[in-house]
Amino acid sequence: TTAQYEALLTVYENGGTVSAGELSRNLLYTSGSTTHLIARLEER
């Protein structure tokens, strides 16, 4: 999805590792939405 792509791209652009909070801020998501998004990408 676009959100999944943007999350992976944000982590990639930050050297492959980023804090969950920083990811939320970059994506303009709530922490809960980011947690769900991370979980889906982690499952994959």
PDB file of all heavy atoms in Angstrom:
ATOM      1  N   THR A   1       0.861  -1.169   0.000  1.00  0.00           N
ATOM      2  CA  THR A   1       0.000   0.000   0.000  1.00  0.00           C
ATOM      3  C   THR A   1       0.907   1.232   0.000  1.00  0.00           C
ATOM      4  O   THR A   1       2.119   1.132   0.270  1.00  0.00           O
ATOM      5  CB  THR A   1      -0.890   0.047   1.257  1.00  0.00           C
ATOM      6  OG1 THR A   1      -0.038   0.199   2.413  1.00  0.00           O
ATOM      7  CG2 THR A   1      -1.747  -1.214   1.388  1.00  0.00           C
ATOM      8  N   THR A   2       0.333   2.380  -0.270  1.00  0.00           N
ATOM      9  CA  THR A   2       1.121   3.612  -0.233  1.00  0.00           C
ATOM     10  C   THR A   2       1.714   3.826   1.160  1.00  0.00           C
ATOM     11  O   THR A   2       2.877   4.206   1.293  1.00  0.00           O
ATOM     12  CB  THR A   2       0.260   4.821  -0.650  1.00  0.00           C
ATOM     13  OG1 THR A   2      -0.244   4.581  -1.964  1.00  0.00           O
ATOM     14  CG2 THR A   2       1.061   6.109  -0.645  1.00  0.00           C
ATOM     15  N   ALA A   3       0.925   3.577   2.202  1.00  0.00           N
ATOM     16  CA  ALA A   3       1.416   3.749   3.573  1.00  0.00           C
ATOM     17  C   ALA A   3       2.585   2.806   3.858  1.00  0.00           C
ATOM     18  O   ALA A   3       3.580   3.211   4.479  1.00  0.00           O
ATOM     19  CB  ALA A   3       0.290   3.517   4.570  1.00  0.00           C
ATOM     20  N   GLN A   4       2.478   1.561   3.418  1.00  0.00           N
ATOM     21  CA  GLN A   4       3.563   0.605   3.632  1.00  0.00           C
ATOM     22  C   GLN A   4       4.816   1.032   2.875  1.00  0.00           C
ATOM     23  O   GLN A   4       5.927   0.972   3.413  1.00  0.00           O
ATOM     24  CB  GLN A   4       3.126  -0.791   3.197  1.00  0.00           C
ATOM     25  CG  GLN A   4       2.073  -1.392   4.098  1.00  0.00           C
ATOM     26  CD  GLN A   4       1.467  -2.659   3.523  1.00  0.00           C
ATOM     27  OE1 GLN A   4       1.502  -2.911   2.311  1.00  0.00           O
ATOM     28  NE2 GLN A   4       0.903  -3.482   4.398  1.00  0.00           N
ATOM     29  N   TYR A   5       4.622   1.484   1.639  1.00  0.00           N
ATOM     30  CA  TYR A   5       5.756   1.956   0.849  1.00  0.00           C
ATOM     31  C   TYR A   5       6.426   3.138   1.550  1.00  0.00           C
ATOM     32  O   TYR A   5       7.653   3.173   1.695  1.00  0.00           O
ATOM     33  CB  TYR A   5       5.308   2.355  -0.565  1.00  0.00           C
ATOM     34  CG  TYR A   5       6.418   3.009  -1.345  1.00  0.00           C
ATOM     35  CD1 TYR A   5       7.410   2.236  -1.947  1.00  0.00           C
ATOM     36  CD2 TYR A   5       6.500   4.394  -1.445  1.00  0.00           C
ATOM     37  CE1 TYR A   5       8.455   2.838  -2.634  1.00  0.00           C
ATOM     38  CE2 TYR A   5       7.535   5.002  -2.134  1.00  0.00           C
ATOM     39  CZ  TYR A   5       8.510   4.222  -2.719  1.00  0.00           C
ATOM     40  OH  TYR A   5       9.554   4.819  -3.379  1.00  0.00           O
ATOM     41  N   GLU A   6       5.631   4.113   1.980  1.00  0.00           N
ATOM     42  CA  GLU A   6       6.188   5.306   2.637  1.00  0.00           C
ATOM     43  C   GLU A   6       6.917   4.936   3.934  1.00  0.00           C
ATOM     44  O   GLU A   6       7.950   5.530   4.252  1.00  0.00           O
ATOM     45  CB  GLU A   6       5.092   6.336   2.904  1.00  0.00           C
ATOM     46  CG  GLU A   6       4.561   6.999   1.647  1.00  0.00           C
ATOM     47  CD  GLU A   6       5.569   7.898   0.955  1.00  0.00           C
ATOM     48  OE1 GLU A   6       6.467   8.446   1.615  1.00  0.00           O
ATOM     49  OE2 GLU A   6       5.454   8.054  -0.266  1.00  0.00           O
ATOM     50  N   ALA A   7       6.385   3.973   4.672  1.00  0.00           N
ATOM     51  CA  ALA A   7       7.050   3.541   5.909  1.00  0.00           C
ATOM     52  C   ALA A   7       8.404   2.902   5.600  1.00  0.00           C
ATOM     53  O   ALA A   7       9.418   3.256   6.220  1.00  0.00           O
ATOM     54  CB  ALA A   7       6.162   2.566   6.676  1.00  0.00           C
ATOM     55  N   LEU A   8       8.423   1.979   4.651  1.00  0.00           N
ATOM     56  CA  LEU A   8       9.692   1.341   4.284  1.00  0.00           C
ATOM     57  C   LEU A   8      10.681   2.363   3.748  1.00  0.00           C
ATOM     58  O   LEU A   8      11.865   2.333   4.087  1.00  0.00           O
ATOM     59  CB  LEU A   8       9.454   0.243   3.245  1.00  0.00           C
ATOM     60  CG  LEU A   8       8.683  -0.992   3.714  1.00  0.00           C
ATOM     61  CD1 LEU A   8       8.374  -1.905   2.535  1.00  0.00           C
ATOM     62  CD2 LEU A   8       9.442  -1.742   4.801  1.00  0.00           C
ATOM     63  N   LEU A   9      10.201   3.296   2.917  1.00  0.00           N
ATOM     64  CA  LEU A   9      11.077   4.321   2.361  1.00  0.00           C
ATOM     65  C   LEU A   9      11.648   5.211   3.464  1.00  0.00           C
ATOM     66  O   LEU A   9      12.836   5.541   3.449  1.00  0.00           O
ATOM     67  CB  LEU A   9      10.319   5.161   1.328  1.00  0.00           C
ATOM     68  CG  LEU A   9      11.141   6.222   0.610  1.00  0.00           C
ATOM     69  CD1 LEU A   9      12.246   5.575  -0.238  1.00  0.00           C
ATOM     70  CD2 LEU A   9      10.247   7.090  -0.263  1.00  0.00           C
ATOM     71  N   THR A  10      10.827   5.581   4.426  1.00  0.00           N
ATOM     72  CA  THR A  10      11.296   6.421   5.532  1.00  0.00           C
ATOM     73  C   THR A  10      12.382   5.719   6.328  1.00  0.00           C
ATOM     74  O   THR A  10      13.407   6.329   6.673  1.00  0.00           O
ATOM     75  CB  THR A  10      10.122   6.812   6.447  1.00  0.00           C
ATOM     76  OG1 THR A  10       9.179   7.571   5.681  1.00  0.00           O
ATOM     77  CG2 THR A  10      10.586   7.640   7.638  1.00  0.00           C
ATOM     78  N   VAL A  11      12.191   4.440   6.613  1.00  0.00           N
ATOM     79  CA  VAL A  11      13.217   3.685   7.345  1.00  0.00           C
ATOM     80  C   VAL A  11      14.490   3.601   6.500  1.00  0.00           C
ATOM     81  O   VAL A  11      15.596   3.835   6.992  1.00  0.00           O
ATOM     82  CB  VAL A  11      12.703   2.280   7.740  1.00  0.00           C
ATOM     83  CG1 VAL A  11      13.809   1.477   8.429  1.00  0.00           C
ATOM     84  CG2 VAL A  11      11.483   2.385   8.650  1.00  0.00           C
ATOM     85  N   TYR A  12      14.331   3.305   5.220  1.00  0.00           N
ATOM     86  CA  TYR A  12      15.480   3.219   4.309  1.00  0.00           C
ATOM     87  C   TYR A  12      16.246   4.545   4.270  1.00  0.00           C
ATOM     88  O   TYR A  12      17.472   4.561   4.367  1.00  0.00           O
ATOM     89  CB  TYR A  12      14.987   2.837   2.905  1.00  0.00           C
ATOM     90  CG  TYR A  12      16.077   2.775   1.874  1.00  0.00           C
ATOM     91  CD1 TYR A  12      16.897   1.655   1.770  1.00  0.00           C
ATOM     92  CD2 TYR A  12      16.292   3.839   1.004  1.00  0.00           C
ATOM     93  CE1 TYR A  12      17.901   1.593   0.819  1.00  0.00           C
ATOM     94  CE2 TYR A  12      17.296   3.792   0.046  1.00  0.00           C
ATOM     95  CZ  TYR A  12      18.096   2.669  -0.045  1.00  0.00           C
ATOM     96  OH  TYR A  12      19.094   2.613  -0.984  1.00  0.00           O
ATOM     97  N   GLU A  13      15.519   5.663   4.121  1.00  0.00           N
ATOM     98  CA  GLU A  13      16.159   6.974   4.026  1.00  0.00           C
ATOM     99  C   GLU A  13      16.829   7.395   5.330  1.00  0.00           C
ATOM    100  O   GLU A  13      17.661   8.302   5.332  1.00  0.00           O
ATOM    101  CB  GLU A  13      15.139   8.035   3.610  1.00  0.00           C
ATOM    102  CG  GLU A  13      14.697   7.899   2.166  1.00  0.00           C
ATOM    103  CD  GLU A  13      13.610   8.878   1.767  1.00  0.00           C
ATOM    104  OE1 GLU A  13      12.916   9.432   2.651  1.00  0.00           O
ATOM    105  OE2 GLU A  13      13.449   9.081   0.554  1.00  0.00           O
ATOM    106  N   ASN A  14      16.489   6.737   6.421  1.00  0.00           N
ATOM    107  CA  ASN A  14      17.118   7.031   7.710  1.00  0.00           C
ATOM    108  C   ASN A  14      18.172   5.985   8.061  1.00  0.00           C
ATOM    109  O   ASN A  14      18.417   5.707   9.232  1.00  0.00           O
ATOM    110  CB  ASN A  14      16.049   7.118   8.804  1.00  0.00           C
ATOM    111  CG  ASN A  14      15.327   8.445   8.768  1.00  0.00           C
ATOM    112  OD1 ASN A  14      15.824   9.437   9.278  1.00  0.00           O
ATOM    113  ND2 ASN A  14      14.169   8.483   8.128  1.00  0.00           N
ATOM    114  N   GLY A  15      18.775   5.400   7.052  1.00  0.00           N
ATOM    115  CA  GLY A  15      19.878   4.471   7.265  1.00  0.00           C
ATOM    116  C   GLY A  15      19.460   3.065   7.627  1.00  0.00           C
ATOM    117  O   GLY A  15      20.282   2.271   8.079  1.00  0.00           O
ATOM    118  N   GLY A  16      18.207   2.734   7.461  1.00  0.00           N
ATOM    119  CA  GLY A  16      17.739   1.375   7.719  1.00  0.00           C
ATOM    120  C   GLY A  16      17.179   1.146   9.103  1.00  0.00           C
ATOM    121  O   GLY A  16      16.649   0.069   9.389  1.00  0.00           O
ATOM    122  N   THR A  17      17.276   2.146   9.975  1.00  0.00           N
ATOM    123  CA  THR A  17      16.745   2.033  11.335  1.00  0.00           C
ATOM    124  C   THR A  17      16.222   3.391  11.771  1.00  0.00           C
ATOM    125  O   THR A  17      16.861   4.418  11.537  1.00  0.00           O
ATOM    126  CB  THR A  17      17.836   1.575  12.326  1.00  0.00           C
ATOM    127  OG1 THR A  17      18.355   0.319  11.893  1.00  0.00           O
ATOM    128  CG2 THR A  17      17.291   1.424  13.733  1.00  0.00           C
ATOM    129  N   VAL A  18      15.062   3.380  12.421  1.00  0.00           N
ATOM    130  CA  VAL A  18      14.449   4.622  12.892  1.00  0.00           C
ATOM    131  C   VAL A  18      13.607   4.289  14.125  1.00  0.00           C
ATOM    132  O   VAL A  18      13.148   3.157  14.284  1.00  0.00           O
ATOM    133  CB  VAL A  18      13.600   5.257  11.759  1.00  0.00           C
ATOM    134  CG1 VAL A  18      12.394   4.420  11.416  1.00  0.00           C
ATOM    135  CG2 VAL A  18      13.194   6.669  12.077  1.00  0.00           C
ATOM    136  N   SER A  19      13.406   5.266  14.999  1.00  0.00           N
ATOM    137  CA  SER A  19      12.519   5.037  16.138  1.00  0.00           C
ATOM    138  C   SER A  19      11.075   5.035  15.642  1.00  0.00           C
ATOM    139  O   SER A  19      10.744   5.673  14.643  1.00  0.00           O
ATOM    140  CB  SER A  19      12.703   6.112  17.209  1.00  0.00           C
ATOM    141  OG  SER A  19      12.137   7.338  16.780  1.00  0.00           O
ATOM    142  N   ALA A  20      10.230   4.303  16.339  1.00  0.00           N
ATOM    143  CA  ALA A  20       8.817   4.253  15.965  1.00  0.00           C
ATOM    144  C   ALA A  20       8.201   5.646  16.038  1.00  0.00           C
ATOM    145  O   ALA A  20       7.386   6.019  15.189  1.00  0.00           O
ATOM    146  CB  ALA A  20       8.063   3.276  16.868  1.00  0.00           C
ATOM    147  N   GLY A  21       8.603   6.442  17.022  1.00  0.00           N
ATOM    148  CA  GLY A  21       8.096   7.808  17.145  1.00  0.00           C
ATOM    149  C   GLY A  21       8.495   8.680  15.971  1.00  0.00           C
ATOM    150  O   GLY A  21       7.689   9.465  15.454  1.00  0.00           O
ATOM    151  N   GLU A  22       9.736   8.548  15.537  1.00  0.00           N
ATOM    152  CA  GLU A  22      10.208   9.320  14.393  1.00  0.00           C
ATOM    153  C   GLU A  22       9.472   8.885  13.124  1.00  0.00           C
ATOM    154  O   GLU A  22       9.113   9.715  12.284  1.00  0.00           O
ATOM    155  CB  GLU A  22      11.716   9.140  14.220  1.00  0.00           C
ATOM    156  CG  GLU A  22      12.329  10.067  13.219  1.00  0.00           C
ATOM    157  CD  GLU A  22      13.853   9.961  13.195  1.00  0.00           C
ATOM    158  OE1 GLU A  22      14.456   9.421  14.134  1.00  0.00           O
ATOM    159  OE2 GLU A  22      14.429  10.428  12.192  1.00  0.00           O
ATOM    160  N   LEU A  23       9.215   7.597  13.003  1.00  0.00           N
ATOM    161  CA  LEU A  23       8.461   7.094  11.859  1.00  0.00           C
ATOM    162  C   LEU A  23       7.058   7.694  11.858  1.00  0.00           C
ATOM    163  O   LEU A  23       6.570   8.159  10.824  1.00  0.00           O
ATOM    164  CB  LEU A  23       8.407   5.566  11.882  1.00  0.00           C
ATOM    165  CG  LEU A  23       7.725   4.890  10.703  1.00  0.00           C
ATOM    166  CD1 LEU A  23       8.380   5.259   9.379  1.00  0.00           C
ATOM    167  CD2 LEU A  23       7.734   3.370  10.901  1.00  0.00           C
ATOM    168  N   SER A  24       6.414   7.728  13.021  1.00  0.00           N
ATOM    169  CA  SER A  24       5.084   8.347  13.137  1.00  0.00           C
ATOM    170  C   SER A  24       5.106   9.797  12.694  1.00  0.00           C
ATOM    171  O   SER A  24       4.237  10.239  11.939  1.00  0.00           O
ATOM    172  CB  SER A  24       4.587   8.306  14.588  1.00  0.00           C
ATOM    173  OG  SER A  24       4.232   7.028  14.969  1.00  0.00           O
ATOM    174  N   ARG A  25       6.098  10.542  13.177  1.00  0.00           N
ATOM    175  CA  ARG A  25       6.191  11.962  12.822  1.00  0.00           C
ATOM    176  C   ARG A  25       6.414  12.141  11.322  1.00  0.00           C
ATOM    177  O   ARG A  25       5.807  13.012  10.702  1.00  0.00           O
ATOM    178  CB  ARG A  25       7.308  12.639  13.616  1.00  0.00           C
ATOM    179  CG  ARG A  25       6.926  12.900  15.077  1.00  0.00           C
ATOM    180  CD  ARG A  25       7.972  13.723  15.802  1.00  0.00           C
ATOM    181  NE  ARG A  25       9.248  13.036  15.944  1.00  0.00           N
ATOM    182  CZ  ARG A  25       9.501  12.092  16.852  1.00  0.00           C
ATOM    183  NH1 ARG A  25       8.562  11.709  17.701  1.00  0.00           N
ATOM    184  NH2 ARG A  25      10.694  11.528  16.923  1.00  0.00           N
ATOM    185  N   ASN A  26       7.271  11.327  10.730  1.00  0.00           N
ATOM    186  CA  ASN A  26       7.544  11.432   9.296  1.00  0.00           C
ATOM    187  C   ASN A  26       6.331  11.084   8.451  1.00  0.00           C
ATOM    188  O   ASN A  26       6.102  11.690   7.407  1.00  0.00           O
ATOM    189  CB  ASN A  26       8.717  10.527   8.904  1.00  0.00           C
ATOM    190  CG  ASN A  26      10.047  11.202   9.100  1.00  0.00           C
ATOM    191  OD1 ASN A  26      10.481  11.962   8.269  1.00  0.00           O
ATOM    192  ND2 ASN A  26      10.676  10.920  10.229  1.00  0.00           N
ATOM    193  N   LEU A  27       5.556  10.102   8.890  1.00  0.00           N
ATOM    194  CA  LEU A  27       4.386   9.673   8.131  1.00  0.00           C
ATOM    195  C   LEU A  27       3.149  10.511   8.441  1.00  0.00           C
ATOM    196  O   LEU A  27       2.135  10.389   7.758  1.00  0.00           O
ATOM    197  CB  LEU A  27       4.079   8.199   8.425  1.00  0.00           C
ATOM    198  CG  LEU A  27       5.135   7.186   7.992  1.00  0.00           C
ATOM    199  CD1 LEU A  27       4.750   5.789   8.460  1.00  0.00           C
ATOM    200  CD2 LEU A  27       5.356   7.221   6.490  1.00  0.00           C
ATOM    201  N   LEU A  28       3.225  11.341   9.493  1.00  0.00           N
ATOM    202  CA  LEU A  28       2.088  12.134   9.958  1.00  0.00           C
ATOM    203  C   LEU A  28       0.952  11.218  10.415  1.00  0.00           C
ATOM    204  O   LEU A  28      -0.223  11.464  10.126  1.00  0.00           O
ATOM    205  CB  LEU A  28       1.615  13.121   8.877  1.00  0.00           C
ATOM    206  CG  LEU A  28       2.677  14.058   8.312  1.00  0.00           C
ATOM    207  CD1 LEU A  28       2.110  14.902   7.182  1.00  0.00           C
ATOM    208  CD2 LEU A  28       3.273  14.933   9.399  1.00  0.00           C
ATOM    209  N   TYR A  29       1.310  10.153  11.121  1.00  0.00           N
ATOM    210  CA  TYR A  29       0.361   9.174  11.653  1.00  0.00           C
ATOM    211  C   TYR A  29       0.333   9.263  13.171  1.00  0.00           C
ATOM    212  O   TYR A  29       1.300   9.707  13.792  1.00  0.00           O
ATOM    213  CB  TYR A  29       0.806   7.754  11.294  1.00  0.00           C
ATOM    214  CG  TYR A  29       0.442   7.277   9.918  1.00  0.00           C
ATOM    215  CD1 TYR A  29       0.040   8.143   8.908  1.00  0.00           C
ATOM    216  CD2 TYR A  29       0.508   5.931   9.622  1.00  0.00           C
ATOM    217  CE1 TYR A  29      -0.288   7.673   7.654  1.00  0.00           C
ATOM    218  CE2 TYR A  29       0.184   5.461   8.361  1.00  0.00           C
ATOM    219  CZ  TYR A  29      -0.214   6.332   7.388  1.00  0.00           C
ATOM    220  OH  TYR A  29      -0.537   5.866   6.154  1.00  0.00           O
ATOM    221  N   THR A  30      -0.744   8.759  13.752  1.00  0.00           N
ATOM    222  CA  THR A  30      -0.781   8.605  15.201  1.00  0.00           C
ATOM    223  C   THR A  30       0.124   7.426  15.567  1.00  0.00           C
ATOM    224  O   THR A  30       0.434   6.576  14.715  1.00  0.00           O
ATOM    225  CB  THR A  30      -2.207   8.298  15.692  1.00  0.00           C
ATOM    226  OG1 THR A  30      -2.618   7.030  15.156  1.00  0.00           O
ATOM    227  CG2 THR A  30      -3.184   9.400  15.301  1.00  0.00           C
ATOM    228  N   SER A  31       0.506   7.353  16.822  1.00  0.00           N
ATOM    229  CA  SER A  31       1.355   6.236  17.237  1.00  0.00           C
ATOM    230  C   SER A  31       0.621   4.900  17.072  1.00  0.00           C
ATOM    231  O   SER A  31       1.225   3.896  16.692  1.00  0.00           O
ATOM    232  CB  SER A  31       1.848   6.415  18.670  1.00  0.00           C
ATOM    233  OG  SER A  31       0.758   6.458  19.558  1.00  0.00           O
ATOM    234  N   GLY A  32      -0.694   4.899  17.309  1.00  0.00           N
ATOM    235  CA  GLY A  32      -1.465   3.666  17.146  1.00  0.00           C
ATOM    236  C   GLY A  32      -1.500   3.193  15.699  1.00  0.00           C
ATOM    237  O   GLY A  32      -1.350   1.997  15.425  1.00  0.00           O
ATOM    238  N   SER A  33      -1.696   4.117  14.773  1.00  0.00           N
ATOM    239  CA  SER A  33      -1.700   3.758  13.351  1.00  0.00           C
ATOM    240  C   SER A  33      -0.324   3.254  12.923  1.00  0.00           C
ATOM    241  O   SER A  33      -0.210   2.296  12.151  1.00  0.00           O
ATOM    242  CB  SER A  33      -2.098   4.956  12.492  1.00  0.00           C
ATOM    243  OG  SER A  33      -3.435   5.302  12.721  1.00  0.00           O
ATOM    244  N   THR A  34       0.717   3.898  13.428  1.00  0.00           N
ATOM    245  CA  THR A  34       2.074   3.478  13.086  1.00  0.00           C
ATOM    246  C   THR A  34       2.362   2.097  13.657  1.00  0.00           C
ATOM    247  O   THR A  34       2.965   1.259  12.981  1.00  0.00           O
ATOM    248  CB  THR A  34       3.107   4.500  13.590  1.00  0.00           C
ATOM    249  OG1 THR A  34       2.794   5.774  13.019  1.00  0.00           O
ATOM    250  CG2 THR A  34       4.515   4.103  13.200  1.00  0.00           C
ATOM    251  N   THR A  35       1.926   1.841  14.880  1.00  0.00           N
ATOM    252  CA  THR A  35       2.130   0.528  15.490  1.00  0.00           C
ATOM    253  C   THR A  35       1.485  -0.564  14.646  1.00  0.00           C
ATOM    254  O   THR A  35       2.085  -1.610  14.383  1.00  0.00           O
ATOM    255  CB  THR A  35       1.563   0.505  16.922  1.00  0.00           C
ATOM    256  OG1 THR A  35       2.276   1.477  17.699  1.00  0.00           O
ATOM    257  CG2 THR A  35       1.697  -0.862  17.561  1.00  0.00           C
ATOM    258  N   HIS A  36       0.275  -0.319  14.183  1.00  0.00           N
ATOM    259  CA  HIS A  36      -0.424  -1.290  13.326  1.00  0.00           C
ATOM    260  C   HIS A  36       0.323  -1.487  12.009  1.00  0.00           C
ATOM    261  O   HIS A  36       0.496  -2.624  11.550  1.00  0.00           O
ATOM    262  CB  HIS A  36      -1.858  -0.814  13.078  1.00  0.00           C
ATOM    263  CG  HIS A  36      -2.645  -1.725  12.204  1.00  0.00           C
ATOM    264  ND1 HIS A  36      -3.075  -2.968  12.610  1.00  0.00           N
ATOM    265  CD2 HIS A  36      -3.055  -1.588  10.915  1.00  0.00           C
ATOM    266  CE1 HIS A  36      -3.723  -3.552  11.614  1.00  0.00           C
ATOM    267  NE2 HIS A  36      -3.724  -2.728  10.580  1.00  0.00           N
ATOM    268  N   LEU A  37       0.767  -0.393  11.412  1.00  0.00           N
ATOM    269  CA  LEU A  37       1.498  -0.463  10.154  1.00  0.00           C
ATOM    270  C   LEU A  37       2.801  -1.244  10.328  1.00  0.00           C
ATOM    271  O   LEU A  37       3.132  -2.118   9.502  1.00  0.00           O
ATOM    272  CB  LEU A  37       1.788   0.958   9.656  1.00  0.00           C
ATOM    273  CG  LEU A  37       2.565   1.116   8.356  1.00  0.00           C
ATOM    274  CD1 LEU A  37       1.845   0.462   7.184  1.00  0.00           C
ATOM    275  CD2 LEU A  37       2.766   2.610   8.076  1.00  0.00           C
ATOM    276  N   ILE A  38       3.531  -0.971  11.389  1.00  0.00           N
ATOM    277  CA  ILE A  38       4.776  -1.687  11.665  1.00  0.00           C
ATOM    278  C   ILE A  38       4.487  -3.177  11.850  1.00  0.00           C
ATOM    279  O   ILE A  38       5.207  -4.032  11.322  1.00  0.00           O
ATOM    280  CB  ILE A  38       5.489  -1.108  12.907  1.00  0.00           C
ATOM    281  CG1 ILE A  38       6.008   0.294  12.606  1.00  0.00           C
ATOM    282  CG2 ILE A  38       6.623  -2.024  13.369  1.00  0.00           C
ATOM    283  CD1 ILE A  38       6.460   1.071  13.836  1.00  0.00           C
ATOM    284  N   ALA A  39       3.426  -3.496  12.589  1.00  0.00           N
ATOM    285  CA  ALA A  39       3.069  -4.903  12.830  1.00  0.00           C
ATOM    286  C   ALA A  39       2.805  -5.638  11.521  1.00  0.00           C
ATOM    287  O   ALA A  39       3.253  -6.782  11.332  1.00  0.00           O
ATOM    288  CB  ALA A  39       1.863  -5.004  13.757  1.00  0.00           C
ATOM    289  N   ARG A  40       2.079  -4.988  10.607  1.00  0.00           N
ATOM    290  CA  ARG A  40       1.785  -5.618   9.308  1.00  0.00           C
ATOM    291  C   ARG A  40       3.074  -5.867   8.521  1.00  0.00           C
ATOM    292  O   ARG A  40       3.242  -6.914   7.901  1.00  0.00           O
ATOM    293  CB  ARG A  40       0.847  -4.731   8.483  1.00  0.00           C
ATOM    294  CG  ARG A  40      -0.533  -4.529   9.052  1.00  0.00           C
ATOM    295  CD  ARG A  40      -1.407  -5.715   8.778  1.00  0.00           C
ATOM    296  NE  ARG A  40      -1.274  -6.110   7.388  1.00  0.00           N
ATOM    297  CZ  ARG A  40      -2.245  -6.399   6.584  1.00  0.00           C
ATOM    298  NH1 ARG A  40      -3.467  -6.365   7.005  1.00  0.00           N
ATOM    299  NH2 ARG A  40      -2.012  -6.760   5.340  1.00  0.00           N
ATOM    300  N   LEU A  41       3.978  -4.899   8.530  1.00  0.00           N
ATOM    301  CA  LEU A  41       5.242  -5.055   7.805  1.00  0.00           C
ATOM    302  C   LEU A  41       6.154  -6.064   8.489  1.00  0.00           C
ATOM    303  O   LEU A  41       6.911  -6.776   7.822  1.00  0.00           O
ATOM    304  CB  LEU A  41       5.918  -3.699   7.636  1.00  0.00           C
ATOM    305  CG  LEU A  41       5.188  -2.745   6.690  1.00  0.00           C
ATOM    306  CD1 LEU A  41       5.751  -1.329   6.795  1.00  0.00           C
ATOM    307  CD2 LEU A  41       5.242  -3.243   5.249  1.00  0.00           C
ATOM    308  N   GLU A  42       6.063  -6.140   9.794  1.00  0.00           N
ATOM    309  CA  GLU A  42       6.833  -7.133  10.545  1.00  0.00           C
ATOM    310  C   GLU A  42       6.321  -8.543  10.228  1.00  0.00           C
ATOM    311  O   GLU A  42       7.115  -9.469  10.032  1.00  0.00           O
ATOM    312  CB  GLU A  42       6.731  -6.834  12.042  1.00  0.00           C
ATOM    313  CG  GLU A  42       7.694  -7.629  12.895  1.00  0.00           C
ATOM    314  CD  GLU A  42       7.633  -7.209  14.353  1.00  0.00           C
ATOM    315  OE1 GLU A  42       6.550  -6.850  14.847  1.00  0.00           O
ATOM    316  OE2 GLU A  42       8.693  -7.251  15.005  1.00  0.00           O
ATOM    317  N   GLU A  43       4.995  -8.710  10.159  1.00  0.00           N
ATOM    318  CA  GLU A  43       4.400 -10.010   9.800  1.00  0.00           C
ATOM    319  C   GLU A  43       4.878 -10.486   8.435  1.00  0.00           C
ATOM    320  O   GLU A  43       5.037 -11.685   8.215  1.00  0.00           O
ATOM    321  CB  GLU A  43       2.871  -9.908   9.774  1.00  0.00           C
ATOM    322  CG  GLU A  43       2.214  -9.815  11.120  1.00  0.00           C
ATOM    323  CD  GLU A  43       0.728  -9.458  11.025  1.00  0.00           C
ATOM    324  OE1 GLU A  43       0.156  -9.498   9.897  1.00  0.00           O
ATOM    325  OE2 GLU A  43       0.142  -9.145  12.077  1.00  0.00           O
ATOM    326  N   ARG A  44       5.101  -9.545   7.538  1.00  0.00           N
ATOM    327  CA  ARG A  44       5.574  -9.882   6.191  1.00  0.00           C
ATOM    328  C   ARG A  44       7.086 -10.081   6.133  1.00  0.00           C
ATOM    329  O   ARG A  44       7.639 -10.394   5.085  1.00  0.00           O
ATOM    330  CB  ARG A  44       5.179  -8.791   5.201  1.00  0.00           C
ATOM    331  CG  ARG A  44       3.695  -8.747   4.930  1.00  0.00           C
ATOM    332  CD  ARG A  44       3.328  -7.749   3.876  1.00  0.00           C
ATOM    333  NE  ARG A  44       4.041  -7.965   2.617  1.00  0.00           N
ATOM    334  CZ  ARG A  44       4.019  -7.111   1.609  1.00  0.00           C
ATOM    335  NH1 ARG A  44       3.322  -5.987   1.701  1.00  0.00           N
ATOM    336  NH2 ARG A  44       4.688  -7.365   0.497  1.00  0.00           N
TER     337      ARG A  44
END
